[in-house]
Amino acid sequence: MKRIDFTNTQVASSQTARDINRGVVLNLIRRRQPISRADLARVSGLQRSTVSLITEQLIRERWVVHGPIGRLPRGRRPTFLRLNDRRAILVADLRPAQTTVGIADVNGNFLSQETMPTTRDPGFTAGALAAKIRHLMQVYSDRVFEGVGISIPGRFSDVSRRIVFAPNLGWPEFDIKGTIEDATGMRVEVENAANACVLAEVWFGHGEQVRDFVVVTVSEGIGTGVFANGQLIRGMNGMAGEFGHVSLDPNGPSCTCGGRGCWEVYASNRAALRYYHESIKSSDGLTFQDLLVLAESGDLLAVKALDRMVHALGRGMRMLVAGLAPEEIVVVGELTRQWRRFGPAIESEVAMVLPGGHPPHVRPAEGILARLRGTVALVLQKHFGPLASPQEFAEKGSRQIRSLAG
């Protein structure tokens, strides 16, 4: 039963209902485009007059444009509606070695992608990132930019508005949001990379059909994003889901977080490289991609190192199953490119010693752009929901009208 806080509850007004209906119609257009007004009314259950008022507002705000004309045996031919793909989102995915910067339209289609080095100096990296963003805005000056979405290998606090935990970046607490906003004039949304991948599943994958799943990102470390009962779980200071830094052995190898024997020191890309280095001394400079290539070509030591890593990955997932009982576990990372090799080993580990019931479905994420697509959703959710508030719908909509009119 959902708990209601009666000490902090606002009474719904007619404006609240209109804003909610606006979000419903906008989201239906996004999911089912191109779609006619008649079909919007049928699917949403709203009156046709209400749908017409909302769609006219969305057209004035330039969120929606007219698409093709439909064909019917008789009667008036319907005009289909679709999202305005001239609206764009600037995105960035920060990783310890390099940052990917790009532009996507509101449908998650990427117009541009490029990379830049990520340094241990947060101020320098943020300045370089802001310069890249300004350059892209000039190159694509014909677009209407909605905001900037940034994913980080760490945790961002909405309270302090700072990165509060990013051991693999090696950064102290840092206000990346304010720094980029001041340098670009754009609103910036920041989120943990695994949480961003959750949003990518919900918005651009099949995640909206599943109410309980966990995303596990496997890269330099291990990240987890939790989607429970149809909601992204962030926790206090955005720290929910740090399973990668749960210690499995207090006497194990040291971790970047300062602890020892954390899950990620056994199951990350870095762990696989460490296993390989232990078996062959002339492997300096080897990347995880190189290790995958070696395994594909039949290098038995590379195969052994990767097998050791994926079995540790599967064993660690058991705590996700025991603690969260997800319907699905979605894996994001370079290792998914050889899922036929690694998937069965992970699934077999997850299925062992379950407290009851059936094991969750373990699958790779769709495509290779989960992090970047998640940052697109991070910006768009402020308009489309389900995580946006009705008040934000109204406030943002009026701001867009003013900015576009100007």
Protein backbone atom coordinates (compact mmCIF):
# COMPACT_ATOMS: atom_id res chain seq x y z
CA MET A 1 0.00 0.00 0.00
CA LYS A 2 1.39 3.38 -1.00
CA ARG A 3 2.12 5.64 1.96
CA ILE A 4 0.66 9.14 1.73
CA ASP A 5 2.17 12.02 3.67
CA PHE A 6 -0.86 14.08 4.67
CA THR A 7 1.38 16.78 6.17
CA ASN A 8 2.87 17.59 2.77
CA THR A 9 0.08 17.00 0.28
CA GLN A 10 -1.12 19.56 -2.26
CA VAL A 11 -4.74 19.71 -3.34
CA ALA A 12 -5.17 19.00 -7.05
CA SER A 13 -6.41 21.95 -9.09
CA SER A 14 -7.86 22.15 -12.59
CA GLN A 15 -4.45 23.41 -13.73
CA THR A 16 -2.81 20.29 -12.27
CA ALA A 17 -5.19 18.10 -14.26
CA ARG A 18 -4.45 20.04 -17.45
CA ASP A 19 -0.70 19.70 -16.91
CA ILE A 20 -0.99 15.97 -16.27
CA ASN A 21 -3.11 15.53 -19.41
CA ARG A 22 -0.53 17.51 -21.37
CA GLY A 23 2.20 15.16 -20.22
CA VAL A 24 0.09 12.12 -21.10
CA VAL A 25 -0.60 13.38 -24.63
CA LEU A 26 3.02 14.39 -25.21
CA ASN A 27 4.27 11.00 -24.07
CA LEU A 28 1.76 9.17 -26.27
CA ILE A 29 2.91 11.16 -29.28
CA ARG A 30 6.52 10.25 -28.44
CA ARG A 31 5.74 6.55 -28.13
CA ARG A 32 3.27 6.14 -31.02
CA GLN A 33 4.26 8.78 -33.56
CA PRO A 34 3.01 9.49 -36.14
CA ILE A 35 -0.45 9.49 -34.57
CA SER A 36 -3.71 11.31 -35.28
CA ARG A 37 -5.72 13.35 -32.80
CA ALA A 38 -8.54 10.81 -33.02
CA ASP A 39 -6.17 7.98 -32.06
CA LEU A 40 -4.74 10.08 -29.24
CA ALA A 41 -8.24 10.52 -27.84
CA ARG A 42 -9.00 6.82 -28.20
CA VAL A 43 -5.77 5.63 -26.56
CA SER A 44 -5.70 8.23 -23.77
CA GLY A 45 -9.40 8.16 -22.95
CA LEU A 46 -9.52 11.98 -23.12
CA GLN A 47 -12.24 13.92 -24.93
CA ARG A 48 -11.39 14.88 -28.51
CA SER A 49 -11.85 18.55 -27.65
CA THR A 50 -9.33 18.20 -24.80
CA VAL A 51 -6.83 16.47 -27.09
CA SER A 52 -7.25 19.21 -29.70
CA LEU A 53 -6.58 21.96 -27.15
CA ILE A 54 -3.48 20.19 -25.83
CA THR A 55 -2.02 19.40 -29.25
CA GLU A 56 -2.55 22.98 -30.44
CA GLN A 57 -0.64 24.16 -27.37
CA LEU A 58 2.19 21.70 -28.09
CA ILE A 59 2.34 22.87 -31.70
CA ARG A 60 2.56 26.51 -30.56
CA GLU A 61 5.40 25.53 -28.21
CA ARG A 62 7.07 23.71 -31.14
CA TRP A 63 7.24 20.43 -29.28
CA VAL A 64 4.97 18.83 -31.89
CA VAL A 65 4.69 19.29 -35.66
CA HIS A 66 2.34 18.02 -38.33
CA GLY A 67 3.39 14.83 -40.08
CA PRO A 68 1.90 13.02 -43.08
CA ILE A 69 -1.77 13.11 -44.08
CA GLY A 70 -3.62 9.84 -43.46
CA ARG A 71 -5.78 7.99 -45.95
CA LEU A 72 -9.30 6.78 -45.15
CA PRO A 73 -11.97 5.14 -47.36
CA ARG A 74 -14.24 8.11 -46.71
CA GLY A 75 -14.53 11.19 -44.56
CA ARG A 76 -11.95 13.76 -43.56
CA ARG A 77 -8.34 12.69 -43.97
CA PRO A 78 -6.53 12.89 -40.59
CA THR A 79 -3.31 14.84 -40.05
CA PHE A 80 -0.75 12.86 -38.09
CA LEU A 81 1.38 14.40 -35.38
CA ARG A 82 4.99 13.74 -34.43
CA LEU A 83 7.66 15.23 -32.20
CA ASN A 84 9.64 18.13 -33.58
CA ASP A 85 13.07 16.63 -34.25
CA ARG A 86 14.54 20.12 -34.62
CA ARG A 87 14.63 20.20 -30.83
CA ALA A 88 17.91 18.77 -29.58
CA ILE A 89 19.69 17.72 -26.40
CA LEU A 90 23.41 18.04 -25.69
CA VAL A 91 24.82 14.97 -23.94
CA ALA A 92 28.05 13.87 -22.29
CA ASP A 93 29.20 10.56 -20.84
CA LEU A 94 32.16 10.96 -18.48
CA ARG A 95 34.45 7.97 -18.01
CA PRO A 96 37.88 7.88 -16.34
CA ALA A 97 39.91 7.88 -19.56
CA GLN A 98 37.71 9.81 -21.96
CA THR A 99 34.44 11.68 -22.24
CA THR A 100 32.00 11.31 -25.13
CA VAL A 101 30.11 14.45 -26.13
CA GLY A 102 27.22 14.53 -28.58
CA ILE A 103 23.92 15.90 -29.80
CA ALA A 104 20.68 13.93 -30.09
CA ASP A 105 17.19 14.89 -31.18
CA VAL A 106 14.14 14.34 -28.98
CA ASN A 107 13.68 10.85 -30.43
CA GLY A 108 17.12 9.73 -29.25
CA ASN A 109 18.73 9.84 -32.70
CA PHE A 110 22.31 11.07 -32.55
CA LEU A 111 23.45 13.83 -34.88
CA SER A 112 27.04 14.07 -33.65
CA GLN A 113 29.48 12.31 -31.32
CA GLU A 114 33.08 13.06 -30.44
CA THR A 115 35.49 12.26 -27.63
CA MET A 116 37.86 14.23 -25.43
CA PRO A 117 40.26 13.24 -22.63
CA THR A 118 39.00 13.07 -19.05
CA THR A 119 41.60 14.36 -16.60
CA ARG A 120 42.01 14.09 -12.84
CA ASP A 121 41.38 17.84 -12.63
CA PRO A 122 37.59 18.33 -12.51
CA GLY A 123 37.79 22.06 -13.22
CA PHE A 124 39.94 21.56 -16.32
CA THR A 125 37.75 18.74 -17.64
CA ALA A 126 34.55 20.72 -17.03
CA GLY A 127 36.03 23.74 -18.84
CA ALA A 128 37.00 21.62 -21.84
CA LEU A 129 33.57 19.99 -21.86
CA ALA A 130 31.82 23.37 -21.78
CA ALA A 131 33.95 24.51 -24.73
CA LYS A 132 32.93 21.40 -26.69
CA ILE A 133 29.28 22.06 -25.89
CA ARG A 134 29.49 25.70 -27.02
CA HIS A 135 31.17 24.60 -30.25
CA LEU A 136 28.43 22.05 -30.99
CA MET A 137 25.77 24.68 -30.32
CA GLN A 138 27.40 26.91 -32.93
CA VAL A 139 27.73 24.11 -35.49
CA TYR A 140 24.08 23.13 -35.00
CA SER A 141 22.73 26.64 -34.56
CA ASP A 142 19.56 25.73 -36.48
CA ARG A 143 18.44 23.49 -33.58
CA VAL A 144 16.49 24.45 -30.47
CA PHE A 145 18.49 23.09 -27.53
CA GLU A 146 16.49 21.80 -24.59
CA GLY A 147 19.35 21.23 -22.15
CA VAL A 148 22.48 19.24 -21.30
CA GLY A 149 22.48 15.72 -19.87
CA ILE A 150 25.63 14.34 -18.23
CA SER A 151 26.27 10.81 -16.94
CA ILE A 152 29.08 10.21 -14.46
CA PRO A 153 30.78 7.10 -13.01
CA GLY A 154 29.79 8.17 -9.53
CA ARG A 155 26.99 9.77 -7.55
CA PHE A 156 25.44 13.23 -7.77
CA SER A 157 23.55 14.79 -4.86
CA ASP A 158 20.46 16.84 -5.70
CA VAL A 159 20.77 18.46 -2.27
CA SER A 160 24.34 19.78 -2.54
CA ARG A 161 24.17 19.84 -6.39
CA ARG A 162 27.65 18.34 -6.48
CA ILE A 163 29.38 15.10 -7.43
CA VAL A 164 29.79 13.46 -4.02
CA PHE A 165 31.30 10.07 -4.84
CA ALA A 166 33.39 9.27 -7.93
CA PRO A 167 36.34 7.08 -6.90
CA ASN A 168 37.11 5.86 -10.42
CA LEU A 169 37.32 9.45 -11.68
CA GLY A 170 39.56 10.36 -8.77
CA TRP A 171 37.66 13.62 -8.29
CA PRO A 172 36.81 15.32 -4.99
CA GLU A 173 33.33 16.78 -4.50
CA PHE A 174 32.72 19.09 -7.43
CA ASP A 175 29.92 21.29 -8.79
CA ILE A 176 29.93 20.14 -12.40
CA LYS A 177 26.30 21.17 -12.89
CA GLY A 178 26.80 24.81 -11.93
CA THR A 179 30.12 25.03 -13.78
CA ILE A 180 28.66 23.86 -17.09
CA GLU A 181 25.48 25.91 -16.66
CA ASP A 182 27.48 29.10 -16.06
CA ALA A 183 29.72 28.43 -19.06
CA THR A 184 26.98 27.49 -21.56
CA GLY A 185 23.80 29.18 -20.37
CA MET A 186 22.00 25.83 -20.65
CA ARG A 187 20.18 23.90 -17.93
CA VAL A 188 22.25 20.83 -16.95
CA GLU A 189 21.02 17.51 -15.54
CA VAL A 190 23.58 15.15 -13.96
CA GLU A 191 23.05 11.49 -13.12
CA ASN A 192 24.95 8.34 -12.23
CA ALA A 193 25.78 6.31 -15.35
CA ALA A 194 23.88 3.21 -14.23
CA ASN A 195 20.82 5.31 -13.37
CA ALA A 196 21.07 6.92 -16.81
CA CYS A 197 21.04 3.44 -18.35
CA VAL A 198 17.86 2.68 -16.39
CA LEU A 199 16.26 5.73 -18.00
CA ALA A 200 17.47 4.57 -21.42
CA GLU A 201 15.71 1.23 -20.89
CA VAL A 202 12.49 2.91 -19.78
CA TRP A 203 12.44 5.52 -22.54
CA PHE A 204 14.00 3.86 -25.55
CA GLY A 205 13.90 0.14 -24.78
CA HIS A 206 11.43 -2.29 -23.26
CA GLY A 207 11.88 -1.10 -19.69
CA GLU A 208 8.45 0.50 -19.46
CA GLN A 209 6.93 -2.98 -19.67
CA VAL A 210 8.87 -4.16 -16.58
CA ARG A 211 8.31 -2.58 -13.17
CA ASP A 212 11.28 -4.13 -11.35
CA PHE A 213 14.71 -4.41 -12.93
CA VAL A 214 18.34 -3.61 -12.22
CA VAL A 215 20.92 -2.29 -14.67
CA VAL A 216 24.51 -3.39 -14.06
CA THR A 217 27.16 -1.32 -15.85
CA VAL A 218 30.47 -3.10 -16.28
CA SER A 219 33.41 -0.90 -17.17
CA GLU A 220 36.32 0.42 -15.11
CA GLY A 221 34.10 -0.35 -12.12
CA ILE A 222 30.68 -1.86 -11.44
CA GLY A 223 27.62 0.37 -11.26
CA THR A 224 24.02 -0.55 -10.53
CA GLY A 225 20.83 1.36 -11.22
CA VAL A 226 17.65 0.18 -9.51
CA PHE A 227 14.16 0.49 -11.00
CA ALA A 228 11.65 -0.75 -8.41
CA ASN A 229 7.86 -0.66 -8.58
CA GLY A 230 8.05 1.52 -11.66
CA GLN A 231 10.39 4.14 -10.13
CA LEU A 232 14.09 4.94 -10.37
CA ILE A 233 15.52 4.59 -6.85
CA ARG A 234 18.07 7.27 -5.94
CA GLY A 235 18.19 7.19 -2.14
CA MET A 236 19.77 9.76 0.14
CA ASN A 237 22.28 11.96 -1.75
CA GLY A 238 21.71 9.79 -4.83
CA MET A 239 23.74 6.96 -3.29
CA ALA A 240 21.26 4.08 -3.77
CA GLY A 241 22.64 1.15 -5.73
CA GLU A 242 26.35 1.27 -4.89
CA PHE A 243 26.59 -2.52 -4.91
CA GLY A 244 29.90 -2.35 -6.76
CA HIS A 245 31.48 -1.15 -3.52
CA VAL A 246 30.02 -3.81 -1.28
CA SER A 247 32.96 -5.70 0.21
CA LEU A 248 32.88 -9.43 -0.56
CA ASP A 249 36.24 -10.07 1.16
CA PRO A 250 37.72 -7.61 3.69
CA ASN A 251 41.13 -9.12 2.98
CA GLY A 252 40.77 -8.84 -0.80
CA PRO A 253 42.50 -6.45 -3.24
CA SER A 254 42.29 -2.73 -2.54
CA CYS A 255 39.56 -0.73 -4.28
CA THR A 256 39.54 2.85 -5.56
CA CYS A 257 36.90 3.68 -2.91
CA GLY A 258 39.42 2.97 -0.14
CA GLY A 259 37.93 -0.37 0.84
CA ARG A 260 39.12 -3.89 0.09
CA GLY A 261 37.58 -6.82 -1.72
CA CYS A 262 34.69 -4.86 -3.27
CA TRP A 263 32.58 -6.57 -5.94
CA GLU A 264 34.10 -4.42 -8.68
CA VAL A 265 37.70 -5.47 -7.92
CA TYR A 266 36.66 -9.01 -8.96
CA ALA A 267 34.15 -8.37 -11.77
CA SER A 268 35.07 -5.15 -13.63
CA ASN A 269 37.08 -4.61 -16.81
CA ARG A 270 40.03 -3.68 -14.61
CA ALA A 271 39.69 -6.97 -12.77
CA ALA A 272 39.91 -8.95 -16.02
CA LEU A 273 43.03 -7.02 -17.02
CA ARG A 274 44.55 -7.69 -13.60
CA TYR A 275 43.88 -11.41 -13.97
CA TYR A 276 45.60 -11.37 -17.37
CA HIS A 277 48.57 -9.36 -16.05
CA GLU A 278 49.02 -11.95 -13.31
CA SER A 279 49.40 -14.70 -15.90
CA ILE A 280 51.60 -12.90 -18.41
CA LYS A 281 54.11 -10.17 -17.54
CA SER A 282 54.41 -8.52 -20.98
CA SER A 283 50.90 -7.12 -21.13
CA ASP A 284 51.51 -3.45 -20.21
CA GLY A 285 49.27 -1.03 -22.09
CA LEU A 286 46.66 -3.68 -22.83
CA THR A 287 43.07 -2.42 -22.91
CA PHE A 288 39.90 -4.35 -22.22
CA GLN A 289 39.05 -4.19 -25.92
CA ASP A 290 42.44 -5.77 -26.65
CA LEU A 291 41.63 -8.52 -24.16
CA LEU A 292 38.32 -9.24 -25.92
CA VAL A 293 40.12 -9.46 -29.26
CA LEU A 294 42.71 -11.84 -27.81
CA ALA A 295 39.98 -14.07 -26.41
CA GLU A 296 38.14 -14.05 -29.73
CA SER A 297 41.34 -15.11 -31.50
CA GLY A 298 41.79 -18.07 -29.14
CA ASP A 299 44.26 -16.77 -26.54
CA LEU A 300 43.63 -19.19 -23.66
CA LEU A 301 45.00 -16.86 -21.00
CA ALA A 302 42.67 -14.06 -22.15
CA VAL A 303 39.74 -16.50 -22.15
CA LYS A 304 40.63 -17.63 -18.63
CA ALA A 305 40.87 -14.03 -17.35
CA LEU A 306 37.51 -13.08 -18.86
CA ASP A 307 35.81 -16.24 -17.60
CA ARG A 308 37.07 -15.49 -14.09
CA MET A 309 35.65 -11.97 -14.38
CA VAL A 310 32.18 -12.97 -15.65
CA HIS A 311 31.76 -15.69 -13.03
CA ALA A 312 32.53 -13.09 -10.35
CA LEU A 313 30.04 -10.78 -12.03
CA GLY A 314 27.33 -13.44 -11.85
CA ARG A 315 28.10 -14.31 -8.23
CA GLY A 316 27.79 -10.67 -7.23
CA MET A 317 24.43 -10.42 -8.96
CA ARG A 318 23.06 -12.91 -6.44
CA MET A 319 22.95 -10.16 -3.81
CA LEU A 320 20.83 -8.08 -6.22
CA VAL A 321 18.44 -11.02 -6.61
CA ALA A 322 18.26 -11.71 -2.87
CA GLY A 323 17.87 -8.08 -1.87
CA LEU A 324 15.73 -6.62 -4.67
CA ALA A 325 14.00 -9.56 -6.42
CA PRO A 326 14.17 -7.94 -9.88
CA GLU A 327 12.31 -9.37 -12.84
CA GLU A 328 15.26 -8.54 -15.10
CA ILE A 329 18.95 -7.73 -14.80
CA VAL A 330 20.23 -5.70 -17.76
CA VAL A 331 23.98 -5.68 -18.40
CA VAL A 332 25.71 -2.68 -20.02
CA GLY A 333 29.33 -2.77 -21.11
CA GLU A 334 31.85 -3.85 -23.71
CA LEU A 335 31.63 -7.49 -22.62
CA THR A 336 28.07 -7.68 -24.03
CA ARG A 337 29.54 -7.68 -27.54
CA GLN A 338 30.47 -11.30 -26.85
CA TRP A 339 27.28 -12.16 -24.95
CA ARG A 340 27.05 -15.61 -26.51
CA ARG A 341 30.33 -16.43 -24.81
CA PHE A 342 29.71 -14.72 -21.44
CA GLY A 343 25.94 -14.72 -21.01
CA PRO A 344 25.48 -18.41 -20.10
CA ALA A 345 28.19 -18.23 -17.39
CA ILE A 346 26.57 -15.17 -15.81
CA GLU A 347 23.10 -16.74 -15.95
CA SER A 348 24.30 -19.98 -14.36
CA GLU A 349 25.87 -18.10 -11.45
CA VAL A 350 22.74 -16.00 -10.89
CA ALA A 351 20.54 -19.11 -10.85
CA MET A 352 22.52 -20.80 -8.05
CA VAL A 353 21.38 -20.79 -4.42
CA LEU A 354 18.26 -18.67 -4.93
CA PRO A 355 16.14 -18.07 -1.80
CA GLY A 356 13.04 -19.12 -3.75
CA GLY A 357 11.17 -18.60 -6.98
CA HIS A 358 12.60 -18.23 -10.46
CA PRO A 359 15.83 -16.41 -11.36
CA PRO A 360 15.47 -13.06 -13.13
CA HIS A 361 15.98 -12.77 -16.86
CA VAL A 362 19.57 -11.64 -17.48
CA ARG A 363 20.15 -9.90 -20.80
CA PRO A 364 22.44 -7.36 -22.46
CA ALA A 365 21.24 -3.81 -23.07
CA GLU A 366 20.05 -2.98 -26.56
CA GLY A 367 22.76 -1.31 -28.64
CA ILE A 368 25.93 0.37 -27.39
CA LEU A 369 24.60 3.84 -26.57
CA ALA A 370 22.79 3.17 -23.30
CA ARG A 371 24.68 5.79 -21.29
CA LEU A 372 24.25 8.54 -23.88
CA ARG A 373 20.60 7.72 -24.54
CA GLY A 374 20.03 7.79 -20.81
CA THR A 375 21.28 11.38 -20.67
CA VAL A 376 18.80 12.28 -23.42
CA ALA A 377 16.00 10.82 -21.29
CA LEU A 378 17.41 12.62 -18.25
CA VAL A 379 16.66 15.96 -19.90
CA LEU A 380 13.40 14.96 -21.58
CA GLN A 381 11.81 13.47 -18.47
CA LYS A 382 11.36 16.99 -17.14
CA HIS A 383 8.69 17.41 -19.81
CA PHE A 384 7.37 13.94 -20.49
CA GLY A 385 7.35 12.21 -17.11
CA PRO A 386 6.81 9.88 -15.41
CA LEU A 387 9.38 11.49 -13.08
CA ALA A 388 8.42 15.05 -13.89
CA SER A 389 5.99 16.89 -11.65
CA PRO A 390 2.89 18.62 -13.01
CA GLN A 391 4.30 21.92 -11.76
CA GLU A 392 7.43 21.40 -13.87
CA PHE A 393 5.27 20.74 -16.93
CA ALA A 394 3.63 24.15 -16.55
CA GLU A 395 6.78 26.08 -15.63
CA LYS A 396 8.93 24.59 -18.37
CA GLY A 397 6.21 24.97 -20.99
CA SER A 398 5.82 28.69 -20.30
CA ARG A 399 9.59 29.16 -20.37
CA GLN A 400 9.76 27.48 -23.78
CA ILE A 401 7.05 29.74 -25.20
CA ARG A 402 8.93 32.83 -23.98
CA SER A 403 12.30 31.64 -25.29
CA LEU A 404 10.98 30.55 -28.68
CA ALA A 405 8.99 33.75 -29.08
CA GLY A 406 12.12 35.75 -28.36
